[in-house]
Amino acid sequence: MPGRSPARTTARPKARVRLRLFREVVSELRKAVWPTRQETIRLTVMVIIVAAVVGAFLGGIDYGFSQLTRLFLQSS
């Protein structure tokens, strides 16, 4: 149509696509099986423990390499 601007005609289909996408997201979230409170607490504790163990392990390796580097630099 000669009286309409191109921006106005393209805005409506984008809004419909966004609305449809939003409805699909909400539909998928309703299908999701959410963990119970007890499962969430247990898994959170497991993640904290694993992170602490990995952090301690990497910290130990870093400390070892630091001492090894210091030993080599002092001996030369």
Protein backbone atom coordinates (compact mmCIF):
# COMPACT_ATOMS: atom_id res chain seq x y z
CA MET A 1 0.00 0.00 0.00
CA PRO A 2 1.39 3.38 -0.91
CA GLY A 3 0.39 5.16 2.34
CA ARG A 4 2.20 2.84 4.78
CA SER A 5 5.82 3.10 5.78
CA PRO A 6 8.00 -0.04 5.60
CA ALA A 7 8.80 0.09 9.34
CA ARG A 8 5.15 -0.18 10.30
CA THR A 9 4.45 -3.22 8.13
CA THR A 10 7.48 -5.14 9.42
CA ALA A 11 6.84 -4.39 13.12
CA ARG A 12 3.66 -6.44 13.37
CA PRO A 13 5.06 -9.82 12.25
CA LYS A 14 8.05 -9.41 14.60
CA ALA A 15 5.69 -8.82 17.52
CA ARG A 16 3.74 -11.96 16.61
CA VAL A 17 6.92 -14.01 16.39
CA ARG A 18 8.09 -12.72 19.77
CA LEU A 19 4.71 -13.47 21.35
CA ARG A 20 4.72 -16.99 19.91
CA LEU A 21 8.29 -17.54 21.12
CA PHE A 22 7.35 -16.32 24.61
CA ARG A 23 4.37 -18.70 24.70
CA GLU A 24 6.60 -21.61 23.65
CA VAL A 25 9.12 -20.77 26.37
CA VAL A 26 6.40 -20.68 29.02
CA SER A 27 5.01 -23.97 27.72
CA GLU A 28 8.44 -25.65 27.93
CA LEU A 29 9.02 -24.31 31.44
CA ARG A 30 5.74 -25.88 32.56
CA LYS A 31 6.91 -29.26 31.20
CA ALA A 32 10.18 -29.09 33.14
CA VAL A 33 10.57 -31.29 36.19
CA TRP A 34 11.89 -29.05 38.95
CA PRO A 35 13.97 -30.55 41.76
CA THR A 36 12.59 -30.76 45.26
CA ARG A 37 13.96 -28.54 48.02
CA GLN A 38 15.87 -31.51 49.49
CA GLU A 39 17.47 -32.35 46.11
CA THR A 40 18.44 -28.72 45.60
CA ILE A 41 20.13 -28.51 49.00
CA ARG A 42 21.95 -31.83 48.50
CA LEU A 43 23.21 -30.89 45.04
CA THR A 44 24.28 -27.43 46.23
CA VAL A 45 26.32 -28.98 49.04
CA MET A 46 27.89 -31.42 46.56
CA VAL A 47 28.88 -28.57 44.23
CA ILE A 48 30.45 -26.63 47.13
CA ILE A 49 32.41 -29.70 48.27
CA VAL A 50 33.64 -30.53 44.76
CA ALA A 51 34.64 -26.89 44.17
CA ALA A 52 36.57 -26.84 47.47
CA VAL A 53 38.37 -30.11 46.67
CA VAL A 54 39.30 -28.98 43.15
CA GLY A 55 40.38 -25.59 44.49
CA ALA A 56 42.58 -27.22 47.15
CA PHE A 57 44.07 -29.58 44.56
CA LEU A 58 44.88 -26.78 42.13
CA GLY A 59 46.18 -24.63 44.98
CA GLY A 60 48.49 -27.48 46.02
CA ILE A 61 49.79 -27.88 42.48
CA ASP A 62 50.35 -24.12 42.24
CA TYR A 63 52.19 -24.09 45.56
CA GLY A 64 54.35 -27.03 44.45
CA PHE A 65 55.29 -25.38 41.17
CA SER A 66 56.01 -22.11 43.00
CA GLN A 67 58.39 -23.89 45.37
CA LEU A 68 60.01 -25.79 42.49
CA THR A 69 60.51 -22.55 40.54
CA ARG A 70 61.92 -20.80 43.61
CA LEU A 71 64.35 -23.73 44.16
CA PHE A 72 65.60 -23.61 40.57
CA LEU A 73 65.98 -19.81 40.61
CA GLN A 74 67.91 -19.82 43.88
CA SER A 75 70.30 -22.54 42.78
CA SER A 76 71.36 -20.80 39.57
